[in-house]
Amino acid sequence: MAVYRCEVKTLNRASGRSAVAAAAYRAAERLRDEQANEGKGKVHDYRRRTPGVMHREVVAPKGAATWATQRGQLWNQAERAENRRNSVTAREVLVSLPHELDDAQRAELVQAFALGLVDRYGVAVDLAIHRPDRKGDDRNHHAHLLMTTRRIGPEGFTEKTRELDDMKNRGPVEIEAIREMWEREQNRALQRAGIVERVSRLSNEARGIDREPQPKLGETATALMRRGEPSRLADRWQQVVKGNAKPGRAPSPMRQNMARQAEQRRKERETRLAQAHQPGGAVQRALQAAQQVRPPAPQGPTHIAEALMRSTSEAQQGEQDKQQALKDEARKLDEQRAKAGELEAARAWERQRQAELRRKRIEREQAQQNEQDPGRQRTLPGPKKKPD
């Protein structure tokens, strides 16, 4: 079963990460980081990982500098272009690949996605397709795409891709655009391969699917689960998988409410359409209005078709307005829930803080009493004497 996964991350120099080291690791190559160790350099050799890399390639914009497709030069130039200690030197996109495709089809899919990123942002993209781990799930085909944080032209790097750095406004929009791009390219690849399944970037709740989302395990929990070692996150993951597999699983109250609302909107839409075609409805009113405005016009099929098109357009616009209002209302409800959660967390933290203050006050009072009456601290009850 094809799955959707598209994560966008950053490589920050402040956390001790290097774009050269990341590129060497993902491509299973030997690269020298010229900027490391205060300019003395450091070699990153990951050639032992070569069997796990199915395909590696650097894609750059047309007319870019000649060194833009040379992995070592590209990332050393990227490190050299940033002067701040907390600079973001690379951006990574991690995607899961359909195991139903063969190696050539997966390579074509990732190349198409990389070209889309290059065309949209004018950056260089270093892609590496990894095979599944020998000790893990044999369906875990995935790819790492390292993007430069600056656009690149004939003379080298130019301005930063600020639209991706602006996490308050444009950033989330661009991230969603990248996720949508990957959804589109993956579904195209599945269609070309004759596979019926499709993937979606939307959540189960947004698609109306009554299935609890599986928690993300991460590298540590996955490794523990493979070794058979206990992990609360792995136990929770298995619990969710088993719960979703139950045929008689009852929908949650929230999903039941969503289903009722969707059914109610469907009935209202059908009612409006039926009323529009009744005498005195929107369609009939549109025909009468057209006759009053242009009485000399011929009452032929063309005239009626135009009136029907106008009325249909009005009905569609009204439906779109209503859907937008429902989305706005849902968004406000989500914001209220988030604020309520934040308020409850703040209250819990305040209660914990007050309890800690009370505990310290009691300890301080006891210490003061012991200082005022030292004998109290040393006086302890002795053993009871046995009766004669």
Protein backbone atom coordinates (compact mmCIF):
# COMPACT_ATOMS: atom_id res chain seq x y z
CA MET A 1 0.00 0.00 0.00
CA ALA A 2 1.47 3.35 -1.07
CA VAL A 3 1.88 5.81 1.79
CA TYR A 4 2.40 9.56 1.91
CA ARG A 5 5.34 11.07 3.76
CA CYS A 6 6.97 14.39 3.06
CA GLU A 7 8.95 16.16 5.79
CA VAL A 8 10.85 19.42 5.43
CA LYS A 9 13.73 20.05 7.84
CA THR A 10 16.66 22.45 8.20
CA LEU A 11 20.36 21.93 8.88
CA ASN A 12 21.48 24.56 11.35
CA ARG A 13 25.11 25.34 12.02
CA ALA A 14 24.26 26.26 15.62
CA SER A 15 23.38 22.62 16.36
CA GLY A 16 26.78 21.50 15.11
CA ARG A 17 25.54 20.19 11.76
CA SER A 18 27.39 20.56 8.48
CA ALA A 19 25.89 20.50 4.99
CA VAL A 20 29.05 18.80 3.67
CA ALA A 21 28.77 16.03 6.27
CA ALA A 22 25.05 15.58 5.58
CA ALA A 23 25.65 15.32 1.83
CA ALA A 24 28.47 12.80 2.32
CA TYR A 25 26.31 10.64 4.59
CA ARG A 26 23.24 10.64 2.35
CA ALA A 27 25.19 10.03 -0.87
CA ALA A 28 27.60 7.54 0.77
CA GLU A 29 30.66 9.43 -0.48
CA ARG A 30 33.94 10.81 0.82
CA LEU A 31 33.82 14.62 1.06
CA ARG A 32 36.15 17.12 2.69
CA ASP A 33 34.64 19.98 4.68
CA GLU A 34 37.02 22.88 4.04
CA GLN A 35 35.41 25.13 6.67
CA ALA A 36 35.57 22.67 9.57
CA ASN A 37 38.08 22.90 12.43
CA GLU A 38 38.56 26.64 11.93
CA GLY A 39 39.59 26.21 8.31
CA LYS A 40 41.85 23.19 8.83
CA GLY A 41 39.27 20.93 7.21
CA LYS A 42 37.70 17.59 8.08
CA VAL A 43 37.06 14.49 5.95
CA HIS A 44 33.67 12.75 6.07
CA ASP A 45 33.95 9.25 4.59
CA TYR A 46 30.73 7.23 4.34
CA ARG A 47 31.63 5.01 1.38
CA ARG A 48 30.84 1.95 3.49
CA ARG A 49 27.16 2.91 3.10
CA THR A 50 27.30 2.62 -0.70
CA PRO A 51 25.21 -0.61 -0.93
CA GLY A 52 22.30 1.19 0.69
CA VAL A 53 22.18 4.01 -1.90
CA MET A 54 20.27 3.16 -5.07
CA HIS A 55 20.74 6.49 -6.88
CA ARG A 56 22.46 9.84 -6.25
CA GLU A 57 22.40 12.99 -8.34
CA VAL A 58 22.75 16.78 -8.10
CA VAL A 59 20.22 18.89 -10.04
CA ALA A 60 20.86 22.61 -10.63
CA PRO A 61 19.07 25.40 -12.53
CA LYS A 62 19.92 26.00 -16.18
CA GLY A 63 22.86 28.35 -16.57
CA ALA A 64 24.11 27.78 -13.02
CA ALA A 65 27.82 27.80 -12.19
CA THR A 66 29.73 24.80 -13.50
CA TRP A 67 30.55 23.56 -10.00
CA ALA A 68 26.86 23.51 -9.00
CA THR A 69 26.51 19.82 -9.94
CA GLN A 70 29.73 18.78 -8.16
CA ARG A 71 28.63 17.58 -4.73
CA GLY A 72 31.79 18.47 -2.80
CA GLN A 73 32.21 21.92 -4.35
CA LEU A 74 28.51 22.72 -4.07
CA TRP A 75 28.23 22.17 -0.32
CA ASN A 76 31.61 23.70 0.50
CA GLN A 77 30.48 26.81 -1.37
CA ALA A 78 27.17 26.68 0.53
CA GLU A 79 29.03 26.59 3.86
CA ARG A 80 31.36 29.37 2.73
CA ALA A 81 28.43 31.60 1.71
CA GLU A 82 27.12 31.76 5.30
CA ASN A 83 29.01 33.75 7.95
CA ARG A 84 26.76 33.52 11.01
CA ARG A 85 27.23 30.84 13.64
CA ASN A 86 23.51 30.02 13.60
CA SER A 87 23.08 30.02 9.81
CA VAL A 88 20.88 27.46 8.08
CA THR A 89 23.21 25.96 5.48
CA ALA A 90 20.84 23.44 3.88
CA ARG A 91 17.22 22.40 3.82
CA GLU A 92 16.24 18.73 3.61
CA VAL A 93 13.10 17.11 2.21
CA LEU A 94 12.54 13.50 3.27
CA VAL A 95 10.00 11.47 1.28
CA SER A 96 8.81 7.87 1.30
CA LEU A 97 8.72 6.11 -2.07
CA PRO A 98 6.08 3.60 -3.23
CA HIS A 99 7.40 0.06 -2.86
CA GLU A 100 5.10 -0.95 -5.72
CA LEU A 101 7.41 0.85 -8.20
CA ASP A 102 10.70 -0.53 -9.47
CA ASP A 103 14.07 1.22 -9.08
CA ALA A 104 13.88 3.03 -12.42
CA GLN A 105 10.36 4.31 -11.71
CA ARG A 106 11.36 5.50 -8.25
CA ALA A 107 14.39 7.32 -9.68
CA GLU A 108 12.20 9.00 -12.31
CA LEU A 109 9.73 10.07 -9.60
CA VAL A 110 12.39 11.66 -7.37
CA GLN A 111 14.05 13.38 -10.36
CA ALA A 112 10.72 14.95 -11.36
CA PHE A 113 10.19 16.18 -7.80
CA ALA A 114 13.72 17.60 -7.63
CA LEU A 115 13.24 19.45 -10.92
CA GLY A 116 10.03 20.95 -9.53
CA LEU A 117 11.91 22.26 -6.49
CA VAL A 118 14.67 23.67 -8.71
CA ASP A 119 12.18 25.45 -10.97
CA ARG A 120 10.17 26.87 -8.06
CA TYR A 121 13.04 28.18 -5.91
CA GLY A 122 16.05 28.43 -8.23
CA VAL A 123 18.21 26.33 -5.90
CA ALA A 124 20.41 23.27 -6.36
CA VAL A 125 19.03 19.94 -5.12
CA ASP A 126 21.21 17.00 -4.09
CA LEU A 127 19.10 13.84 -4.12
CA ALA A 128 19.89 10.37 -2.77
CA ILE A 129 17.54 7.38 -2.97
CA HIS A 130 18.05 4.84 -0.19
CA ARG A 131 17.13 1.18 -0.21
CA PRO A 132 15.32 -0.37 2.78
CA ASP A 133 17.50 -1.32 5.73
CA ARG A 134 18.41 -5.00 5.75
CA LYS A 135 17.15 -5.39 9.31
CA GLY A 136 14.02 -3.29 8.84
CA ASP A 137 10.90 -3.10 6.70
CA ASP A 138 11.73 -4.17 3.13
CA ARG A 139 9.16 -1.66 1.83
CA ASN A 140 10.94 1.36 3.32
CA HIS A 141 12.23 2.91 0.10
CA HIS A 142 12.87 6.62 0.72
CA ALA A 143 14.79 9.60 -0.61
CA HIS A 144 16.68 12.53 0.89
CA LEU A 145 16.75 15.81 -1.05
CA LEU A 146 19.17 18.46 0.22
CA MET A 147 18.31 21.95 -1.03
CA THR A 148 20.64 24.92 -0.92
CA THR A 149 19.26 27.85 1.05
CA ARG A 150 20.39 30.33 -1.61
CA ARG A 151 19.48 30.63 -5.25
CA ILE A 152 22.27 29.87 -7.67
CA GLY A 153 23.17 31.53 -10.96
CA PRO A 154 26.09 31.70 -13.41
CA GLU A 155 28.29 33.52 -10.87
CA GLY A 156 27.36 31.27 -7.94
CA PHE A 157 25.06 31.75 -4.97
CA THR A 158 22.83 34.83 -4.82
CA GLU A 159 19.99 35.78 -2.44
CA LYS A 160 18.49 33.57 0.26
CA THR A 161 15.15 31.80 -0.22
CA ARG A 162 13.45 34.04 2.33
CA GLU A 163 10.00 32.75 1.44
CA LEU A 164 10.92 29.46 3.12
CA ASP A 165 12.49 31.17 6.15
CA ASP A 166 9.40 33.26 6.93
CA MET A 167 7.59 30.81 9.23
CA LYS A 168 4.93 33.35 10.24
CA ASN A 169 3.55 34.17 6.81
CA ARG A 170 4.87 32.67 3.57
CA GLY A 171 6.84 29.80 5.08
CA PRO A 172 3.90 27.52 5.97
CA VAL A 173 2.32 28.25 2.58
CA GLU A 174 5.51 27.22 0.78
CA ILE A 175 5.88 24.08 2.90
CA GLU A 176 2.32 23.11 2.01
CA ALA A 177 3.11 23.79 -1.67
CA ILE A 178 6.09 21.41 -1.46
CA ARG A 179 3.90 18.74 0.15
CA GLU A 180 1.26 19.21 -2.54
CA MET A 181 3.93 18.97 -5.25
CA TRP A 182 5.12 15.64 -3.84
CA GLU A 183 1.53 14.34 -3.64
CA ARG A 184 0.98 15.26 -7.29
CA GLU A 185 4.24 13.72 -8.54
CA GLN A 186 3.73 10.52 -6.56
CA ASN A 187 0.18 10.04 -7.85
CA ARG A 188 1.38 10.65 -11.42
CA ALA A 189 4.03 7.97 -10.98
CA LEU A 190 1.45 5.53 -9.62
CA GLN A 191 -0.84 6.27 -12.56
CA ARG A 192 1.96 5.76 -15.10
CA ALA A 193 2.73 2.40 -13.50
CA GLY A 194 -0.90 1.32 -13.77
CA ILE A 195 -1.44 1.28 -10.00
CA VAL A 196 -4.94 2.19 -8.83
CA GLU A 197 -3.95 3.43 -5.38
CA ARG A 198 -3.44 7.14 -4.72
CA VAL A 199 -1.93 9.04 -1.81
CA SER A 200 -3.07 12.23 -0.09
CA ARG A 201 -1.24 14.77 2.05
CA LEU A 202 -4.45 15.46 4.00
CA SER A 203 -5.12 13.92 7.40
CA ASN A 204 -7.61 11.11 7.93
CA GLU A 205 -9.96 13.54 9.68
CA ALA A 206 -9.86 16.02 6.78
CA ARG A 207 -10.70 13.19 4.36
CA GLY A 208 -13.49 11.86 6.59
CA ILE A 209 -11.69 8.54 7.21
CA ASP A 210 -12.57 6.96 10.53
CA ARG A 211 -9.08 5.77 11.40
CA GLU A 212 -6.83 6.96 14.19
CA PRO A 213 -3.53 8.37 12.88
CA GLN A 214 -0.50 6.27 13.72
CA PRO A 215 2.02 8.00 16.00
CA LYS A 216 5.42 8.73 14.49
CA LEU A 217 7.99 6.31 15.89
CA GLY A 218 11.25 8.00 14.96
CA GLU A 219 14.67 6.36 14.65
CA THR A 220 15.12 5.46 18.34
CA ALA A 221 11.71 3.83 18.87
CA THR A 222 11.98 2.01 15.53
CA ALA A 223 15.37 0.58 16.46
CA LEU A 224 14.04 -0.55 19.85
CA MET A 225 11.04 -2.22 18.23
CA ARG A 226 13.25 -4.05 15.72
CA ARG A 227 15.39 -5.39 18.56
CA GLY A 228 12.32 -6.47 20.50
CA GLU A 229 13.04 -4.09 23.35
CA PRO A 230 10.18 -2.39 25.25
CA SER A 231 9.14 1.11 24.27
CA ARG A 232 6.03 3.05 25.27
CA LEU A 233 5.86 4.71 21.86
CA ALA A 234 6.15 1.36 20.06
CA ASP A 235 3.44 -0.11 22.30
CA ARG A 236 1.18 2.84 21.51
CA TRP A 237 1.88 2.42 17.77
CA GLN A 238 0.94 -1.27 17.87
CA GLN A 239 -2.19 -0.44 19.85
CA VAL A 240 -3.32 2.06 17.21
CA VAL A 241 -2.58 -0.36 14.36
CA LYS A 242 -4.61 -3.12 16.02
CA GLY A 243 -7.45 -0.72 16.80
CA ASN A 244 -7.66 0.47 13.20
CA ALA A 245 -7.71 -3.14 11.99
CA LYS A 246 -10.86 -4.00 13.95
CA PRO A 247 -13.79 -4.35 11.50
CA GLY A 248 -16.42 -3.19 13.99
CA ARG A 249 -14.53 -0.20 15.31
CA ALA A 250 -17.00 2.50 16.34
CA PRO A 251 -16.37 6.02 15.05
CA SER A 252 -15.39 8.63 17.60
CA PRO A 253 -18.04 11.22 18.64
CA MET A 254 -16.18 13.93 16.72
CA ARG A 255 -16.20 11.88 13.52
CA GLN A 256 -19.87 11.02 14.01
CA ASN A 257 -20.64 14.73 14.33
CA MET A 258 -18.62 15.49 11.18
CA ALA A 259 -20.51 12.80 9.28
CA ARG A 260 -23.87 14.21 10.43
CA GLN A 261 -22.85 17.72 9.37
CA ALA A 262 -21.69 16.48 5.96
CA GLU A 263 -24.97 14.62 5.44
CA GLN A 264 -26.95 17.69 6.49
CA ARG A 265 -25.03 19.90 4.04
CA ARG A 266 -25.65 17.38 1.27
CA LYS A 267 -29.40 17.39 1.93
CA GLU A 268 -29.50 21.20 2.07
CA ARG A 269 -27.67 21.41 -1.25
CA GLU A 270 -30.09 18.97 -2.89
CA THR A 271 -33.04 20.92 -1.48
CA ARG A 272 -31.73 24.22 -2.87
CA LEU A 273 -31.17 22.70 -6.30
CA ALA A 274 -34.67 21.24 -6.31
CA GLN A 275 -36.22 24.55 -5.26
CA ALA A 276 -34.24 26.42 -7.90
CA HIS A 277 -35.88 24.41 -10.68
CA GLN A 278 -39.41 24.72 -9.29
CA PRO A 279 -41.81 27.47 -10.46
CA GLY A 280 -40.65 30.66 -8.78
CA GLY A 281 -37.21 29.22 -8.09
CA ALA A 282 -33.82 30.71 -8.98
CA VAL A 283 -33.78 29.24 -12.47
CA GLN A 284 -37.28 30.46 -13.27
CA ARG A 285 -36.53 33.89 -11.79
CA ALA A 286 -33.41 34.14 -13.94
CA LEU A 287 -35.45 33.36 -17.05
CA GLN A 288 -38.08 35.97 -16.13
CA ALA A 289 -35.41 38.59 -15.40
CA ALA A 290 -33.77 37.94 -18.75
CA GLN A 291 -37.11 38.38 -20.49
CA GLN A 292 -37.78 41.70 -18.71
CA VAL A 293 -34.34 43.16 -19.39
CA ARG A 294 -34.22 42.18 -23.04
CA PRO A 295 -37.79 41.76 -24.24
CA PRO A 296 -36.89 41.93 -27.96
CA ALA A 297 -34.36 39.10 -27.60
CA PRO A 298 -35.46 35.81 -29.10
CA GLN A 299 -36.61 33.22 -26.58
CA GLY A 300 -34.63 30.43 -28.17
CA PRO A 301 -32.44 27.66 -26.77
CA THR A 302 -29.38 29.95 -26.59
CA HIS A 303 -31.22 32.47 -24.42
CA ILE A 304 -32.43 29.77 -22.05
CA ALA A 305 -28.97 28.19 -21.86
CA GLU A 306 -27.38 31.51 -20.93
CA ALA A 307 -29.93 32.07 -18.19
CA LEU A 308 -29.37 28.57 -16.87
CA MET A 309 -25.60 29.11 -16.86
CA ARG A 310 -25.99 32.37 -14.92
CA SER A 311 -28.29 30.83 -12.37
CA THR A 312 -26.03 27.80 -11.97
CA SER A 313 -23.04 30.10 -11.48
CA GLU A 314 -24.93 32.01 -8.78
CA ALA A 315 -25.85 28.78 -7.03
CA GLN A 316 -22.25 27.55 -7.18
CA GLN A 317 -20.98 30.85 -5.81
CA GLY A 318 -23.43 30.66 -2.94
CA GLU A 319 -22.31 27.12 -2.18
CA GLN A 320 -18.66 28.18 -2.26
CA ASP A 321 -19.40 31.05 0.12
CA LYS A 322 -21.13 28.68 2.51
CA GLN A 323 -18.25 26.19 2.36
CA GLN A 324 -15.78 28.99 3.08
CA ALA A 325 -17.87 30.11 6.05
CA LEU A 326 -17.86 26.55 7.39
CA LYS A 327 -14.07 26.37 6.98
CA ASP A 328 -13.65 29.69 8.78
CA GLU A 329 -15.87 28.46 11.60
CA ALA A 330 -13.88 25.21 11.87
CA ARG A 331 -10.63 27.16 11.92
CA LYS A 332 -11.92 29.42 14.71
CA LEU A 333 -13.00 26.34 16.66
CA ASP A 334 -9.53 24.81 16.28
CA GLU A 335 -7.95 28.06 17.46
CA GLN A 336 -10.25 28.15 20.49
CA ARG A 337 -9.35 24.55 21.33
CA ALA A 338 -5.63 25.32 20.99
CA LYS A 339 -5.97 28.37 23.25
CA ALA A 340 -7.94 26.31 25.77
CA GLY A 341 -5.18 23.69 25.76
CA GLU A 342 -2.52 26.34 26.26
CA LEU A 343 -4.53 27.89 29.11
CA GLU A 344 -4.96 24.53 30.82
CA ALA A 345 -1.22 23.83 30.47
CA ALA A 346 -0.45 27.24 31.99
CA ARG A 347 -2.82 26.56 34.87
CA ALA A 348 -1.20 23.17 35.50
CA TRP A 349 2.23 24.77 35.48
CA GLU A 350 1.02 27.46 37.94
CA ARG A 351 -0.43 24.81 40.26
CA GLN A 352 2.85 22.93 40.18
CA ARG A 353 4.78 26.12 40.87
CA GLN A 354 2.54 27.02 43.83
CA ALA A 355 2.97 23.52 45.26
CA GLU A 356 6.74 23.84 44.94
CA LEU A 357 6.65 27.23 46.69
CA ARG A 358 4.58 25.79 49.54
CA ARG A 359 7.00 22.90 49.93
CA LYS A 360 9.99 25.25 50.09
CA ARG A 361 8.19 27.51 52.59
CA ILE A 362 7.48 24.57 54.89
CA GLU A 363 11.10 23.41 54.68
CA ARG A 364 12.30 26.93 55.44
CA GLU A 365 10.00 27.21 58.49
CA GLN A 366 11.17 23.86 59.79
CA ALA A 367 14.81 24.91 59.36
CA GLN A 368 14.15 28.11 61.30
CA GLN A 369 12.48 26.19 64.12
CA ASN A 370 15.44 23.81 64.32
CA GLU A 371 17.84 26.76 64.53
CA GLN A 372 15.82 28.32 67.38
CA ASP A 373 15.56 25.03 69.30
CA PRO A 374 18.64 22.90 68.48
CA GLY A 375 17.74 20.32 71.10
CA ARG A 376 14.56 19.54 69.26
CA GLN A 377 16.50 18.22 66.33
CA ARG A 378 18.66 15.94 68.52
CA THR A 379 15.92 14.68 70.83
CA LEU A 380 14.73 11.36 69.52
CA PRO A 381 12.46 8.85 71.22
CA GLY A 382 14.50 6.09 72.91
CA PRO A 383 13.71 2.40 72.95
CA LYS A 384 10.85 1.28 75.13
CA LYS A 385 11.85 -0.50 78.35
CA LYS A 386 10.55 -3.95 78.95
CA PRO A 387 8.46 -4.33 82.11
CA ASP A 388 10.17 -6.05 85.06
